PDB file of N, CA and C in Angstrom:
ATOM      1  N   MET A   1       0.860  -1.171   0.000  1.00  0.00           N
ATOM      2  CA  MET A   1       0.000   0.000   0.000  1.00  0.00           C
ATOM      3  C   MET A   1       0.903   1.231   0.000  1.00  0.00           C
ATOM      4  N   SER A   2       0.644   2.149  -0.903  1.00  0.00           N
ATOM      5  CA  SER A   2       1.463   3.345  -0.996  1.00  0.00           C
ATOM      6  C   SER A   2       1.097   4.352   0.090  1.00  0.00           C
ATOM      7  N   LEU A   3       1.993   5.306   0.302  1.00  0.00           N
ATOM      8  CA  LEU A   3       1.776   6.331   1.317  1.00  0.00           C
ATOM      9  C   LEU A   3       0.535   7.162   1.011  1.00  0.00           C
ATOM     10  N   SER A   4       0.287   7.440  -0.266  1.00  0.00           N
ATOM     11  CA  SER A   4      -0.905   8.233  -0.615  1.00  0.00           C
ATOM     12  C   SER A   4      -2.186   7.447  -0.341  1.00  0.00           C
ATOM     13  N   ASN A   5      -2.170   6.122  -0.544  1.00  0.00           N
ATOM     14  CA  ASN A   5      -3.344   5.301  -0.238  1.00  0.00           C
ATOM     15  C   ASN A   5      -3.618   5.282   1.260  1.00  0.00           C
ATOM     16  N   VAL A   6      -2.577   5.217   2.066  1.00  0.00           N
ATOM     17  CA  VAL A   6      -2.734   5.240   3.519  1.00  0.00           C
ATOM     18  C   VAL A   6      -3.328   6.582   3.939  1.00  0.00           C
ATOM     19  N   LYS A   7      -2.844   7.666   3.369  1.00  0.00           N
ATOM     20  CA  LYS A   7      -3.347   9.013   3.685  1.00  0.00           C
ATOM     21  C   LYS A   7      -4.818   9.121   3.293  1.00  0.00           C
ATOM     22  N   GLN A   8      -5.189   8.617   2.129  1.00  0.00           N
ATOM     23  CA  GLN A   8      -6.584   8.651   1.688  1.00  0.00           C
ATOM     24  C   GLN A   8      -7.466   7.854   2.631  1.00  0.00           C
ATOM     25  N   MET A   9      -6.994   6.690   3.072  1.00  0.00           N
ATOM     26  CA  MET A   9      -7.775   5.855   3.975  1.00  0.00           C
ATOM     27  C   MET A   9      -7.955   6.575   5.316  1.00  0.00           C
ATOM     28  N   GLN A  10      -6.913   7.208   5.825  1.00  0.00           N
ATOM     29  CA  GLN A  10      -7.010   7.943   7.084  1.00  0.00           C
ATOM     30  C   GLN A  10      -7.998   9.094   6.954  1.00  0.00           C
ATOM     31  N   ASP A  11      -7.986   9.774   5.813  1.00  0.00           N
ATOM     32  CA  ASP A  11      -8.929  10.879   5.588  1.00  0.00           C
ATOM     33  C   ASP A  11     -10.365  10.385   5.627  1.00  0.00           C
ATOM     34  N   VAL A  12     -10.634   9.252   5.011  1.00  0.00           N
ATOM     35  CA  VAL A  12     -11.981   8.687   4.991  1.00  0.00           C
ATOM     36  C   VAL A  12     -12.401   8.274   6.398  1.00  0.00           C
ATOM     37  N   LEU A  13     -11.494   7.624   7.121  1.00  0.00           N
ATOM     38  CA  LEU A  13     -11.824   7.136   8.462  1.00  0.00           C
ATOM     39  C   LEU A  13     -12.034   8.264   9.461  1.00  0.00           C
ATOM     40  N   ASN A  14     -11.465   9.424   9.203  1.00  0.00           N
ATOM     41  CA  ASN A  14     -11.598  10.550  10.130  1.00  0.00           C
ATOM     42  C   ASN A  14     -12.797  11.449   9.827  1.00  0.00           C
ATOM     43  N   GLN A  15     -13.564  11.129   8.811  1.00  0.00           N
ATOM     44  CA  GLN A  15     -14.742  11.931   8.485  1.00  0.00           C
ATOM     45  C   GLN A  15     -15.894  11.553   9.412  1.00  0.00           C
ATOM     46  N   PRO A  16     -16.665  12.563   9.850  1.00  0.00           N
ATOM     47  CA  PRO A  16     -17.832  12.247  10.685  1.00  0.00           C
ATOM     48  C   PRO A  16     -18.890  11.493   9.868  1.00  0.00           C
ATOM     49  N   ILE A  17     -19.722  10.753  10.563  1.00  0.00           N
ATOM     50  CA  ILE A  17     -20.779   9.988   9.904  1.00  0.00           C
ATOM     51  C   ILE A  17     -22.108  10.359  10.560  1.00  0.00           C
ATOM     52  N   ASP A  18     -23.134  10.553   9.741  1.00  0.00           N
ATOM     53  CA  ASP A  18     -24.451  10.856  10.300  1.00  0.00           C
ATOM     54  C   ASP A  18     -25.210   9.551  10.530  1.00  0.00           C
ATOM     55  N   TYR A  19     -26.390   9.659  11.093  1.00  0.00           N
ATOM     56  CA  TYR A  19     -27.164   8.462  11.442  1.00  0.00           C
ATOM     57  C   TYR A  19     -27.495   7.622  10.209  1.00  0.00           C
ATOM     58  N   ASP A  20     -27.872   8.278   9.114  1.00  0.00           N
ATOM     59  CA  ASP A  20     -28.210   7.526   7.898  1.00  0.00           C
ATOM     60  C   ASP A  20     -27.000   6.750   7.378  1.00  0.00           C
ATOM     61  N   GLY A  21     -25.833   7.362   7.432  1.00  0.00           N
ATOM     62  CA  GLY A  21     -24.609   6.683   7.020  1.00  0.00           C
ATOM     63  C   GLY A  21     -24.278   5.517   7.929  1.00  0.00           C
ATOM     64  N   PHE A  22     -24.513   5.711   9.234  1.00  0.00           N
ATOM     65  CA  PHE A  22     -24.270   4.640  10.197  1.00  0.00           C
ATOM     66  C   PHE A  22     -25.213   3.465   9.928  1.00  0.00           C
ATOM     67  N   GLN A  23     -26.475   3.776   9.657  1.00  0.00           N
ATOM     68  CA  GLN A  23     -27.457   2.728   9.358  1.00  0.00           C
ATOM     69  C   GLN A  23     -27.039   1.931   8.119  1.00  0.00           C
ATOM     70  N   LEU A  24     -26.594   2.636   7.091  1.00  0.00           N
ATOM     71  CA  LEU A  24     -26.144   1.980   5.863  1.00  0.00           C
ATOM     72  C   LEU A  24     -24.913   1.121   6.142  1.00  0.00           C
ATOM     73  N   PHE A  25     -23.977   1.656   6.912  1.00  0.00           N
ATOM     74  CA  PHE A  25     -22.785   0.886   7.270  1.00  0.00           C
ATOM     75  C   PHE A  25     -23.163  -0.404   7.986  1.00  0.00           C
ATOM     76  N   MET A  26     -24.038  -0.306   8.983  1.00  0.00           N
ATOM     77  CA  MET A  26     -24.424  -1.485   9.752  1.00  0.00           C
ATOM     78  C   MET A  26     -25.108  -2.529   8.865  1.00  0.00           C
ATOM     79  N   ALA A  27     -26.005  -2.084   8.006  1.00  0.00           N
ATOM     80  CA  ALA A  27     -26.699  -3.015   7.115  1.00  0.00           C
ATOM     81  C   ALA A  27     -25.716  -3.693   6.165  1.00  0.00           C
ATOM     82  N   THR A  28     -24.733  -2.926   5.683  1.00  0.00           N
ATOM     83  CA  THR A  28     -23.738  -3.480   4.767  1.00  0.00           C
ATOM     84  C   THR A  28     -22.791  -4.412   5.498  1.00  0.00           C
ATOM     85  N   TYR A  29     -22.311  -3.979   6.652  1.00  0.00           N
ATOM     86  CA  TYR A  29     -21.347  -4.770   7.427  1.00  0.00           C
ATOM     87  C   TYR A  29     -21.957  -6.079   7.918  1.00  0.00           C
ATOM     88  N   LEU A  30     -23.186  -6.002   8.414  1.00  0.00           N
ATOM     89  CA  LEU A  30     -23.839  -7.200   8.940  1.00  0.00           C
ATOM     90  C   LEU A  30     -24.554  -8.005   7.867  1.00  0.00           C
ATOM     91  N   GLU A  31     -24.636  -7.442   6.661  1.00  0.00           N
ATOM     92  CA  GLU A  31     -25.333  -8.065   5.541  1.00  0.00           C
ATOM     93  C   GLU A  31     -26.775  -8.396   5.892  1.00  0.00           C
ATOM     94  N   ASN A  32     -27.390  -7.507   6.699  1.00  0.00           N
ATOM     95  CA  ASN A  32     -28.763  -7.696   7.122  1.00  0.00           C
ATOM     96  C   ASN A  32     -29.243  -6.393   7.759  1.00  0.00           C
ATOM     97  N   ASP A  33     -30.529  -6.132   7.679  1.00  0.00           N
ATOM     98  CA  ASP A  33     -31.074  -4.963   8.368  1.00  0.00           C
ATOM     99  C   ASP A  33     -31.150  -5.264   9.858  1.00  0.00           C
ATOM    100  N   ILE A  34     -30.861  -4.249  10.660  1.00  0.00           N
ATOM    101  CA  ILE A  34     -30.975  -4.426  12.102  1.00  0.00           C
ATOM    102  C   ILE A  34     -32.143  -3.579  12.587  1.00  0.00           C
ATOM    103  N   PRO A  35     -32.749  -3.938  13.703  1.00  0.00           N
ATOM    104  CA  PRO A  35     -33.888  -3.179  14.213  1.00  0.00           C
ATOM    105  C   PRO A  35     -33.522  -1.709  14.456  1.00  0.00           C
ATOM    106  N   GLU A  36     -34.450  -0.825  14.157  1.00  0.00           N
ATOM    107  CA  GLU A  36     -34.252   0.620  14.292  1.00  0.00           C
ATOM    108  C   GLU A  36     -33.795   0.993  15.707  1.00  0.00           C
ATOM    109  N   GLU A  37     -34.431   0.425  16.708  1.00  0.00           N
ATOM    110  CA  GLU A  37     -34.098   0.762  18.095  1.00  0.00           C
ATOM    111  C   GLU A  37     -32.645   0.389  18.420  1.00  0.00           C
ATOM    112  N   LEU A  38     -32.190  -0.773  17.968  1.00  0.00           N
ATOM    113  CA  LEU A  38     -30.812  -1.197  18.197  1.00  0.00           C
ATOM    114  C   LEU A  38     -29.842  -0.269  17.476  1.00  0.00           C
ATOM    115  N   CYS A  39     -30.149   0.070  16.233  1.00  0.00           N
ATOM    116  CA  CYS A  39     -29.285   0.947  15.457  1.00  0.00           C
ATOM    117  C   CYS A  39     -29.162   2.320  16.137  1.00  0.00           C
ATOM    118  N   GLN A  40     -30.281   2.866  16.612  1.00  0.00           N
ATOM    119  CA  GLN A  40     -30.255   4.150  17.314  1.00  0.00           C
ATOM    120  C   GLN A  40     -29.421   4.052  18.580  1.00  0.00           C
ATOM    121  N   HIS A  41     -29.591   2.970  19.321  1.00  0.00           N
ATOM    122  CA  HIS A  41     -28.838   2.788  20.561  1.00  0.00           C
ATOM    123  C   HIS A  41     -27.331   2.715  20.276  1.00  0.00           C
ATOM    124  N   LEU A  42     -26.941   1.942  19.276  1.00  0.00           N
ATOM    125  CA  LEU A  42     -25.530   1.819  18.937  1.00  0.00           C
ATOM    126  C   LEU A  42     -24.956   3.147  18.473  1.00  0.00           C
ATOM    127  N   PHE A  43     -25.694   3.855  17.616  1.00  0.00           N
ATOM    128  CA  PHE A  43     -25.234   5.149  17.111  1.00  0.00           C
ATOM    129  C   PHE A  43     -25.030   6.127  18.259  1.00  0.00           C
ATOM    130  N   THR A  44     -25.994   6.194  19.161  1.00  0.00           N
ATOM    131  CA  THR A  44     -25.902   7.093  20.315  1.00  0.00           C
ATOM    132  C   THR A  44     -24.740   6.684  21.213  1.00  0.00           C
ATOM    133  N   SER A  45     -24.554   5.389  21.398  1.00  0.00           N
ATOM    134  CA  SER A  45     -23.467   4.893  22.225  1.00  0.00           C
ATOM    135  C   SER A  45     -22.112   5.282  21.649  1.00  0.00           C
ATOM    136  N   PHE A  46     -21.941   5.107  20.345  1.00  0.00           N
ATOM    137  CA  PHE A  46     -20.673   5.476  19.713  1.00  0.00           C
ATOM    138  C   PHE A  46     -20.458   6.984  19.783  1.00  0.00           C
ATOM    139  N   LYS A  47     -21.516   7.752  19.592  1.00  0.00           N
ATOM    140  CA  LYS A  47     -21.378   9.213  19.670  1.00  0.00           C
ATOM    141  C   LYS A  47     -20.951   9.636  21.062  1.00  0.00           C
ATOM    142  N   SER A  48     -21.512   9.021  22.097  1.00  0.00           N
ATOM    143  CA  SER A  48     -21.164   9.415  23.456  1.00  0.00           C
ATOM    144  C   SER A  48     -19.708   9.062  23.766  1.00  0.00           C
ATOM    145  N   LYS A  49     -19.177   8.022  23.158  1.00  0.00           N
ATOM    146  CA  LYS A  49     -17.781   7.648  23.376  1.00  0.00           C
ATOM    147  C   LYS A  49     -16.828   8.628  22.701  1.00  0.00           C
ATOM    148  N   THR A  50     -17.271   9.314  21.658  1.00  0.00           N
ATOM    149  CA  THR A  50     -16.418  10.303  21.001  1.00  0.00           C
ATOM    150  C   THR A  50     -16.477  11.641  21.716  1.00  0.00           C
ATOM    151  N   GLY A  51     -17.396  11.770  22.677  1.00  0.00           N
ATOM    152  CA  GLY A  51     -17.497  12.995  23.452  1.00  0.00           C
ATOM    153  C   GLY A  51     -18.201  14.121  22.738  1.00  0.00           C
ATOM    154  N   ARG A  52     -18.914  13.828  21.680  1.00  0.00           N
ATOM    155  CA  ARG A  52     -19.559  14.879  20.895  1.00  0.00           C
ATOM    156  C   ARG A  52     -21.006  15.121  21.274  1.00  0.00           C
ATOM    157  N   CYS A  53     -21.596  14.273  22.096  1.00  0.00           N
ATOM    158  CA  CYS A  53     -22.954  14.503  22.577  1.00  0.00           C
ATOM    159  C   CYS A  53     -23.203  13.616  23.778  1.00  0.00           C
ATOM    160  N   SER A  54     -24.248  13.912  24.486  1.00  0.00           N
ATOM    161  CA  SER A  54     -24.596  13.075  25.621  1.00  0.00           C
ATOM    162  C   SER A  54     -25.526  11.968  25.152  1.00  0.00           C
ATOM    163  N   PRO A  55     -25.535  10.822  25.832  1.00  0.00           N
ATOM    164  CA  PRO A  55     -26.375   9.699  25.395  1.00  0.00           C
ATOM    165  C   PRO A  55     -27.866   9.994  25.438  1.00  0.00           C
ATOM    166  N   ASP A  56     -28.291  10.971  26.251  1.00  0.00           N
ATOM    167  CA  ASP A  56     -29.720  11.253  26.335  1.00  0.00           C
ATOM    168  C   ASP A  56     -30.179  12.322  25.344  1.00  0.00           C
ATOM    169  N   GLN A  57     -29.271  12.790  24.495  1.00  0.00           N
ATOM    170  CA  GLN A  57     -29.633  13.765  23.471  1.00  0.00           C
ATOM    171  C   GLN A  57     -30.490  13.072  22.406  1.00  0.00           C
ATOM    172  N   PRO A  58     -31.611  13.688  22.002  1.00  0.00           N
ATOM    173  CA  PRO A  58     -32.446  13.041  20.984  1.00  0.00           C
ATOM    174  C   PRO A  58     -31.720  12.915  19.654  1.00  0.00           C
ATOM    175  N   ARG A  59     -32.057  11.860  18.935  1.00  0.00           N
ATOM    176  CA  ARG A  59     -31.457  11.609  17.630  1.00  0.00           C
ATOM    177  C   ARG A  59     -31.981  12.612  16.620  1.00  0.00           C
ATOM    178  N   ALA A  60     -31.070  13.122  15.817  1.00  0.00           N
ATOM    179  CA  ALA A  60     -31.439  13.997  14.706  1.00  0.00           C
ATOM    180  C   ALA A  60     -30.769  13.449  13.459  1.00  0.00           C
ATOM    181  N   GLY A  61     -31.446  13.487  12.354  1.00  0.00           N
ATOM    182  CA  GLY A  61     -30.897  12.952  11.102  1.00  0.00           C
ATOM    183  C   GLY A  61     -29.598  13.608  10.692  1.00  0.00           C
ATOM    184  N   SER A  62     -29.361  14.842  11.124  1.00  0.00           N
ATOM    185  CA  SER A  62     -28.136  15.526  10.730  1.00  0.00           C
ATOM    186  C   SER A  62     -27.041  15.417  11.776  1.00  0.00           C
ATOM    187  N   SER A  63     -27.260  14.633  12.822  1.00  0.00           N
ATOM    188  CA  SER A  63     -26.222  14.469  13.851  1.00  0.00           C
ATOM    189  C   SER A  63     -25.025  13.779  13.258  1.00  0.00           C
ATOM    190  N   LEU A  64     -23.872  14.139  13.740  1.00  0.00           N
ATOM    191  CA  LEU A  64     -22.638  13.548  13.247  1.00  0.00           C
ATOM    192  C   LEU A  64     -21.975  12.763  14.344  1.00  0.00           C
ATOM    193  N   LEU A  65     -21.312  11.690  13.968  1.00  0.00           N
ATOM    194  CA  LEU A  65     -20.584  10.851  14.915  1.00  0.00           C
ATOM    195  C   LEU A  65     -19.201  11.401  15.076  1.00  0.00           C
TER     196      LEU A  65
END
C-alpha cells in the first residue's frame, strides 16, 4: 500500500458519519437490516464515546458521529 493510499484511507476514516450513514454501514457490514431501536442505541453509544454529545440527546438525522 502506498503512502498516498494510507493518507486517503485515514482521511476517509476521520470523516464524521451521520445516522443515515451509520445505518447503511451497519446493514452493509452485517449483511442484514438491524432493528431501528438497536441501530439508534448503537449510534448514540458510539457518539457518546467520542465525546460529541450526551447519550440522552435526541437523535437527529443531521447528527454527526
